[in-house]
């Protein structure tokens, strides 16, 4: 992804403040990733690169659907652009089962870093990525593409960041192989201000069909 794309999506964390749980109680808080699911010292895909498990890049094709079996996600995807302030837009809050992808960037499966984002909840309760923080290394993410194929990704790491410490380059920076980031709100929660950060899943392409 280019510098403009990185700048655009790096402010996604700011949108989390407007998404509130139904009653703000601790019992309703979505799961957060443990330290055991963090990236390896040499980066999110270090182990996979060493093992040579990355699949060959696919040609560009817009995605239509994302599935994450381990956390029971099976959701349509919509294209996301930029808001008037230059930040990444998000799916409509009134459609909690919808996820989105940054359509001015890399398409999932082609070489580079593809971005998928979705709400963790809205005022009525859980949304599409409510359980994203419960995903574990080695999990599978499938993305159905408009060309009729399915890109299959393997999870390298699941991490949570405070908005003030969000690592833009690590999350959105260019990749030499097909990679995917799945992002939602997370971290500490305040009834007054909402979520203070983001849960980010790092994954790489390991197959297609």
C-alpha atoms as a PDB file:
ATOM      1  CA  UNK A   1       0.000   0.000   0.000  1.00  0.00           C
ATOM      2  CA  UNK A   2       1.180   3.530  -0.691  1.00  0.00           C
ATOM      3  CA  UNK A   3       1.802   6.261   1.858  1.00  0.00           C
ATOM      4  CA  UNK A   4      -1.589   7.835   1.130  1.00  0.00           C
ATOM      5  CA  UNK A   5      -3.367   4.575   1.913  1.00  0.00           C
ATOM      6  CA  UNK A   6      -1.435   4.167   5.149  1.00  0.00           C
ATOM      7  CA  UNK A   7      -2.308   7.705   6.211  1.00  0.00           C
ATOM      8  CA  UNK A   8      -5.953   7.099   5.454  1.00  0.00           C
ATOM      9  CA  UNK A   9      -6.428   3.927   7.432  1.00  0.00           C
ATOM     10  CA  UNK A  10      -4.177   4.860  10.325  1.00  0.00           C
ATOM     11  CA  UNK A  11      -6.968   6.864  11.945  1.00  0.00           C
ATOM     12  CA  UNK A  12      -9.418   3.958  12.126  1.00  0.00           C
ATOM     13  CA  UNK A  13      -8.909   3.802  15.898  1.00  0.00           C
ATOM     14  CA  UNK A  14     -10.510   7.223  16.311  1.00  0.00           C
ATOM     15  CA  UNK A  15     -13.844   5.867  15.118  1.00  0.00           C
ATOM     16  CA  UNK A  16     -14.098   3.476  18.038  1.00  0.00           C
ATOM     17  CA  UNK A  17     -15.185   6.146  20.483  1.00  0.00           C
ATOM     18  CA  UNK A  18     -18.680   6.289  19.000  1.00  0.00           C
ATOM     19  CA  UNK A  19     -19.388   2.578  19.298  1.00  0.00           C
ATOM     20  CA  UNK A  20     -20.851   1.746  22.678  1.00  0.00           C
ATOM     21  CA  UNK A  21     -21.970  -1.516  24.210  1.00  0.00           C
ATOM     22  CA  UNK A  22     -25.630  -1.759  25.061  1.00  0.00           C
ATOM     23  CA  UNK A  23     -25.067  -0.963  28.725  1.00  0.00           C
ATOM     24  CA  UNK A  24     -21.290  -0.536  29.017  1.00  0.00           C
ATOM     25  CA  UNK A  25     -20.965  -3.306  31.602  1.00  0.00           C
ATOM     26  CA  UNK A  26     -17.844  -5.417  32.010  1.00  0.00           C
ATOM     27  CA  UNK A  27     -19.888  -8.561  31.408  1.00  0.00           C
ATOM     28  CA  UNK A  28     -20.588  -7.366  27.874  1.00  0.00           C
ATOM     29  CA  UNK A  29     -16.958  -6.616  27.004  1.00  0.00           C
ATOM     30  CA  UNK A  30     -15.702  -8.451  23.918  1.00  0.00           C
ATOM     31  CA  UNK A  31     -12.756 -10.871  24.329  1.00  0.00           C
ATOM     32  CA  UNK A  32      -9.263  -9.434  24.056  1.00  0.00           C
ATOM     33  CA  UNK A  33      -6.179 -11.284  22.740  1.00  0.00           C
ATOM     34  CA  UNK A  34      -3.710 -12.714  25.233  1.00  0.00           C
ATOM     35  CA  UNK A  35       0.034 -12.111  25.098  1.00  0.00           C
ATOM     36  CA  UNK A  36       0.442 -15.645  23.749  1.00  0.00           C
ATOM     37  CA  UNK A  37      -1.224 -14.562  20.493  1.00  0.00           C
ATOM     38  CA  UNK A  38       1.196 -11.680  19.860  1.00  0.00           C
ATOM     39  CA  UNK A  39       3.578 -11.512  16.917  1.00  0.00           C
ATOM     40  CA  UNK A  40       6.894 -13.337  16.934  1.00  0.00           C
ATOM     41  CA  UNK A  41       9.978 -11.181  17.633  1.00  0.00           C
ATOM     42  CA  UNK A  42      10.837 -10.845  13.941  1.00  0.00           C
ATOM     43  CA  UNK A  43       7.347  -9.797  12.900  1.00  0.00           C
ATOM     44  CA  UNK A  44       3.837 -11.192  12.404  1.00  0.00           C
ATOM     45  CA  UNK A  45       4.813 -13.746   9.766  1.00  0.00           C
ATOM     46  CA  UNK A  46       8.329 -14.704  10.834  1.00  0.00           C
ATOM     47  CA  UNK A  47       7.519 -18.334  11.521  1.00  0.00           C
ATOM     48  CA  UNK A  48       5.595 -18.773   8.312  1.00  0.00           C
ATOM     49  CA  UNK A  49       8.369 -17.191   6.223  1.00  0.00           C
ATOM     50  CA  UNK A  50      10.921 -19.525   7.761  1.00  0.00           C
ATOM     51  CA  UNK A  51       8.732 -22.534   7.032  1.00  0.00           C
ATOM     52  CA  UNK A  52       8.082 -21.398   3.457  1.00  0.00           C
ATOM     53  CA  UNK A  53       4.319 -21.781   3.778  1.00  0.00           C
ATOM     54  CA  UNK A  54       3.224 -18.610   1.987  1.00  0.00           C
ATOM     55  CA  UNK A  55       1.163 -19.223  -1.143  1.00  0.00           C
ATOM     56  CA  UNK A  56       1.683 -17.613  -4.510  1.00  0.00           C
ATOM     57  CA  UNK A  57      -0.041 -14.253  -4.914  1.00  0.00           C
ATOM     58  CA  UNK A  58      -3.374 -14.124  -6.717  1.00  0.00           C
ATOM     59  CA  UNK A  59      -4.365 -11.580  -9.361  1.00  0.00           C
ATOM     60  CA  UNK A  60      -6.380  -8.589  -8.135  1.00  0.00           C
ATOM     61  CA  UNK A  61     -10.080  -9.247  -7.535  1.00  0.00           C
ATOM     62  CA  UNK A  62     -12.512  -7.465  -5.203  1.00  0.00           C
ATOM     63  CA  UNK A  63     -13.677  -9.528  -2.199  1.00  0.00           C
ATOM     64  CA  UNK A  64     -17.343 -10.279  -1.531  1.00  0.00           C
ATOM     65  CA  UNK A  65     -17.376 -12.259   1.724  1.00  0.00           C
ATOM     66  CA  UNK A  66     -15.205 -13.101   4.745  1.00  0.00           C
ATOM     67  CA  UNK A  67     -15.425 -16.228   6.882  1.00  0.00           C
ATOM     68  CA  UNK A  68     -13.576 -16.930  10.131  1.00  0.00           C
ATOM     69  CA  UNK A  69     -14.832 -20.352  11.270  1.00  0.00           C
ATOM     70  CA  UNK A  70     -13.200 -20.347  14.723  1.00  0.00           C
ATOM     71  CA  UNK A  71     -15.226 -17.312  15.827  1.00  0.00           C
ATOM     72  CA  UNK A  72     -18.309 -18.013  13.711  1.00  0.00           C
ATOM     73  CA  UNK A  73     -17.940 -15.080  11.317  1.00  0.00           C
ATOM     74  CA  UNK A  74     -19.584 -15.387   7.908  1.00  0.00           C
ATOM     75  CA  UNK A  75     -20.197 -11.893   6.608  1.00  0.00           C
ATOM     76  CA  UNK A  76     -20.607  -9.962   3.374  1.00  0.00           C
ATOM     77  CA  UNK A  77     -18.030  -7.315   2.520  1.00  0.00           C
ATOM     78  CA  UNK A  78     -18.633  -3.815   1.250  1.00  0.00           C
ATOM     79  CA  UNK A  79     -16.089  -1.405  -0.184  1.00  0.00           C
ATOM     80  CA  UNK A  80     -14.847   1.311   2.155  1.00  0.00           C
ATOM     81  CA  UNK A  81     -13.573   4.675   1.040  1.00  0.00           C
ATOM     82  CA  UNK A  82     -12.483   7.778   2.894  1.00  0.00           C
ATOM     83  CA  UNK A  83     -14.520  10.238   4.917  1.00  0.00           C
ATOM     84  CA  UNK A  84     -14.446  13.971   4.262  1.00  0.00           C
ATOM     85  CA  UNK A  85     -11.719  14.255   6.899  1.00  0.00           C
ATOM     86  CA  UNK A  86      -9.536  11.725   5.079  1.00  0.00           C
ATOM     87  CA  UNK A  87     -10.011   8.825   7.481  1.00  0.00           C
ATOM     88  CA  UNK A  88     -11.134   5.321   6.573  1.00  0.00           C
ATOM     89  CA  UNK A  89     -14.890   5.011   6.509  1.00  0.00           C
ATOM     90  CA  UNK A  90     -16.606   2.133   8.332  1.00  0.00           C
ATOM     91  CA  UNK A  91     -19.690   0.042   7.546  1.00  0.00           C
ATOM     92  CA  UNK A  92     -23.006   1.575   8.667  1.00  0.00           C
ATOM     93  CA  UNK A  93     -23.522   0.948  12.411  1.00  0.00           C
ATOM     94  CA  UNK A  94     -27.120  -0.064  11.723  1.00  0.00           C
ATOM     95  CA  UNK A  95     -25.786  -3.063   9.750  1.00  0.00           C
ATOM     96  CA  UNK A  96     -23.815  -4.897  12.473  1.00  0.00           C
ATOM     97  CA  UNK A  97     -23.309  -8.044  10.383  1.00  0.00           C
ATOM     98  CA  UNK A  98     -21.505  -6.226   7.566  1.00  0.00           C
ATOM     99  CA  UNK A  99     -17.711  -5.912   7.260  1.00  0.00           C
ATOM    100  CA  UNK A 100     -15.771  -3.732   4.852  1.00  0.00           C
ATOM    101  CA  UNK A 101     -12.506  -3.651   2.923  1.00  0.00           C
ATOM    102  CA  UNK A 102     -10.394  -0.678   1.868  1.00  0.00           C
ATOM    103  CA  UNK A 103     -11.132  -0.683  -1.849  1.00  0.00           C
ATOM    104  CA  UNK A 104      -8.420   1.817  -2.817  1.00  0.00           C
ATOM    105  CA  UNK A 105      -5.775  -0.547  -1.463  1.00  0.00           C
ATOM    106  CA  UNK A 106      -4.717  -4.148  -2.036  1.00  0.00           C
ATOM    107  CA  UNK A 107      -7.389  -6.755  -2.709  1.00  0.00           C
ATOM    108  CA  UNK A 108      -7.190  -9.812  -0.410  1.00  0.00           C
ATOM    109  CA  UNK A 109      -4.966 -12.436  -2.001  1.00  0.00           C
ATOM    110  CA  UNK A 110      -2.801 -10.193  -4.161  1.00  0.00           C
ATOM    111  CA  UNK A 111       0.703  -9.139  -3.136  1.00  0.00           C
ATOM    112  CA  UNK A 112       0.643  -6.492  -0.436  1.00  0.00           C
ATOM    113  CA  UNK A 113      -1.375  -5.620   2.648  1.00  0.00           C
ATOM    114  CA  UNK A 114      -5.165  -5.894   2.366  1.00  0.00           C
ATOM    115  CA  UNK A 115      -7.339  -4.243   5.011  1.00  0.00           C
ATOM    116  CA  UNK A 116     -10.695  -5.491   6.344  1.00  0.00           C
ATOM    117  CA  UNK A 117     -12.526  -3.616   9.100  1.00  0.00           C
ATOM    118  CA  UNK A 118     -15.789  -3.993  10.964  1.00  0.00           C
ATOM    119  CA  UNK A 119     -17.606  -2.991  14.109  1.00  0.00           C
ATOM    120  CA  UNK A 120     -17.191  -4.864  17.384  1.00  0.00           C
ATOM    121  CA  UNK A 121     -20.636  -3.753  18.555  1.00  0.00           C
ATOM    122  CA  UNK A 122     -23.204  -1.006  18.318  1.00  0.00           C
ATOM    123  CA  UNK A 123     -25.764   0.456  20.715  1.00  0.00           C
ATOM    124  CA  UNK A 124     -27.872  -2.703  20.422  1.00  0.00           C
ATOM    125  CA  UNK A 125     -25.152  -5.288  21.135  1.00  0.00           C
ATOM    126  CA  UNK A 126     -22.447  -7.389  19.426  1.00  0.00           C
ATOM    127  CA  UNK A 127     -21.503  -6.818  15.781  1.00  0.00           C
ATOM    128  CA  UNK A 128     -19.582  -8.792  13.150  1.00  0.00           C
ATOM    129  CA  UNK A 129     -16.142  -8.750  14.813  1.00  0.00           C
ATOM    130  CA  UNK A 130     -17.269  -8.979  18.441  1.00  0.00           C
ATOM    131  CA  UNK A 131     -15.185 -12.125  19.008  1.00  0.00           C
ATOM    132  CA  UNK A 132     -12.157 -11.119  16.923  1.00  0.00           C
ATOM    133  CA  UNK A 133      -9.990 -10.887  20.040  1.00  0.00           C
ATOM    134  CA  UNK A 134     -10.645 -14.589  20.739  1.00  0.00           C
ATOM    135  CA  UNK A 135      -9.040 -15.675  17.451  1.00  0.00           C
ATOM    136  CA  UNK A 136      -5.802 -17.617  17.861  1.00  0.00           C
ATOM    137  CA  UNK A 137      -2.608 -18.125  15.890  1.00  0.00           C
ATOM    138  CA  UNK A 138      -3.007 -20.760  13.216  1.00  0.00           C
ATOM    139  CA  UNK A 139      -6.672 -19.953  12.675  1.00  0.00           C
ATOM    140  CA  UNK A 140      -8.095 -19.729   9.168  1.00  0.00           C
ATOM    141  CA  UNK A 141      -9.644 -16.762   7.401  1.00  0.00           C
ATOM    142  CA  UNK A 142     -11.360 -17.290   4.050  1.00  0.00           C
ATOM    143  CA  UNK A 143     -12.202 -14.491   1.633  1.00  0.00           C
ATOM    144  CA  UNK A 144     -14.511 -15.139  -1.309  1.00  0.00           C
ATOM    145  CA  UNK A 145     -13.449 -13.098  -4.330  1.00  0.00           C
ATOM    146  CA  UNK A 146     -15.453 -11.768  -7.237  1.00  0.00           C
ATOM    147  CA  UNK A 147     -13.425 -13.866  -9.687  1.00  0.00           C
ATOM    148  CA  UNK A 148     -15.041 -16.979  -8.171  1.00  0.00           C
ATOM    149  CA  UNK A 149     -12.040 -18.047  -6.104  1.00  0.00           C
ATOM    150  CA  UNK A 150     -11.438 -18.113  -2.362  1.00  0.00           C
ATOM    151  CA  UNK A 151      -8.266 -16.786  -0.758  1.00  0.00           C
ATOM    152  CA  UNK A 152      -7.282 -18.726   2.371  1.00  0.00           C
ATOM    153  CA  UNK A 153      -5.215 -16.981   5.033  1.00  0.00           C
ATOM    154  CA  UNK A 154      -3.537 -18.306   8.182  1.00  0.00           C
ATOM    155  CA  UNK A 155      -3.419 -16.143  11.309  1.00  0.00           C
ATOM    156  CA  UNK A 156       0.095 -15.158  12.401  1.00  0.00           C
ATOM    157  CA  UNK A 157      -0.784 -12.957  15.372  1.00  0.00           C
ATOM    158  CA  UNK A 158      -3.644 -11.219  17.174  1.00  0.00           C
ATOM    159  CA  UNK A 159      -2.736  -8.036  19.017  1.00  0.00           C
ATOM    160  CA  UNK A 160      -4.424  -5.117  20.773  1.00  0.00           C
ATOM    161  CA  UNK A 161      -3.163  -1.528  20.737  1.00  0.00           C
ATOM    162  CA  UNK A 162      -4.141   1.710  22.436  1.00  0.00           C
ATOM    163  CA  UNK A 163      -4.978   4.381  19.886  1.00  0.00           C
ATOM    164  CA  UNK A 164      -2.125   6.596  21.098  1.00  0.00           C
ATOM    165  CA  UNK A 165       0.381   3.773  20.512  1.00  0.00           C
ATOM    166  CA  UNK A 166      -1.073   2.381  17.284  1.00  0.00           C
ATOM    167  CA  UNK A 167       1.818   1.106  15.080  1.00  0.00           C
ATOM    168  CA  UNK A 168       0.734   2.440  11.678  1.00  0.00           C
ATOM    169  CA  UNK A 169       3.640   1.039   9.680  1.00  0.00           C
ATOM    170  CA  UNK A 170       3.443  -2.421  11.261  1.00  0.00           C
ATOM    171  CA  UNK A 171      -0.276  -2.711  10.586  1.00  0.00           C
ATOM    172  CA  UNK A 172      -0.685  -0.885   7.280  1.00  0.00           C
ATOM    173  CA  UNK A 173       2.797  -0.925   5.771  1.00  0.00           C
ATOM    174  CA  UNK A 174       3.576  -2.668   2.461  1.00  0.00           C
ATOM    175  CA  UNK A 175       4.274  -6.410   2.401  1.00  0.00           C
ATOM    176  CA  UNK A 176       6.352  -8.495  -0.006  1.00  0.00           C
ATOM    177  CA  UNK A 177       3.743 -11.272  -0.007  1.00  0.00           C
ATOM    178  CA  UNK A 178      -0.066 -11.417   0.214  1.00  0.00           C
ATOM    179  CA  UNK A 179      -1.088 -10.391   3.729  1.00  0.00           C
ATOM    180  CA  UNK A 180      -4.340  -9.474   5.448  1.00  0.00           C
ATOM    181  CA  UNK A 181      -5.199  -7.298   8.425  1.00  0.00           C
ATOM    182  CA  UNK A 182      -8.599  -7.594  10.105  1.00  0.00           C
ATOM    183  CA  UNK A 183      -9.331  -4.702  12.455  1.00  0.00           C
ATOM    184  CA  UNK A 184     -11.998  -3.789  14.974  1.00  0.00           C
ATOM    185  CA  UNK A 185     -12.301  -1.714  18.120  1.00  0.00           C
ATOM    186  CA  UNK A 186     -10.845  -3.046  21.368  1.00  0.00           C
ATOM    187  CA  UNK A 187      -8.630  -2.377  24.334  1.00  0.00           C
ATOM    188  CA  UNK A 188      -9.892  -0.663  27.427  1.00  0.00           C
ATOM    189  CA  UNK A 189     -13.467   0.587  27.435  1.00  0.00           C
ATOM    190  CA  UNK A 190     -15.028   3.663  28.968  1.00  0.00           C
ATOM    191  CA  UNK A 191     -18.757   4.337  29.046  1.00  0.00           C
ATOM    192  CA  UNK A 192     -17.993   8.003  28.368  1.00  0.00           C
ATOM    193  CA  UNK A 193     -15.534   7.669  25.496  1.00  0.00           C
ATOM    194  CA  UNK A 194     -15.927   4.144  24.099  1.00  0.00           C
ATOM    195  CA  UNK A 195     -13.022   1.883  23.152  1.00  0.00           C
ATOM    196  CA  UNK A 196      -9.508   3.196  23.540  1.00  0.00           C
ATOM    197  CA  UNK A 197      -7.855   1.190  20.772  1.00  0.00           C
ATOM    198  CA  UNK A 198      -8.009  -1.643  18.262  1.00  0.00           C
ATOM    199  CA  UNK A 199      -7.731  -5.396  17.977  1.00  0.00           C
ATOM    200  CA  UNK A 200      -5.692  -6.323  14.891  1.00  0.00           C
ATOM    201  CA  UNK A 201      -5.360  -9.749  13.279  1.00  0.00           C
ATOM    202  CA  UNK A 202      -2.263 -10.357  11.134  1.00  0.00           C
ATOM    203  CA  UNK A 203      -2.561 -13.120   8.535  1.00  0.00           C
ATOM    204  CA  UNK A 204      -0.873 -14.280   5.337  1.00  0.00           C
ATOM    205  CA  UNK A 205      -2.066 -16.167   2.267  1.00  0.00           C
ATOM    206  CA  UNK A 206      -1.499 -19.924   2.535  1.00  0.00           C
ATOM    207  CA  UNK A 207      -3.808 -21.256  -0.176  1.00  0.00           C
ATOM    208  CA  UNK A 208      -6.663 -20.689  -2.582  1.00  0.00           C
ATOM    209  CA  UNK A 209      -9.408 -22.625  -4.259  1.00  0.00           C
END
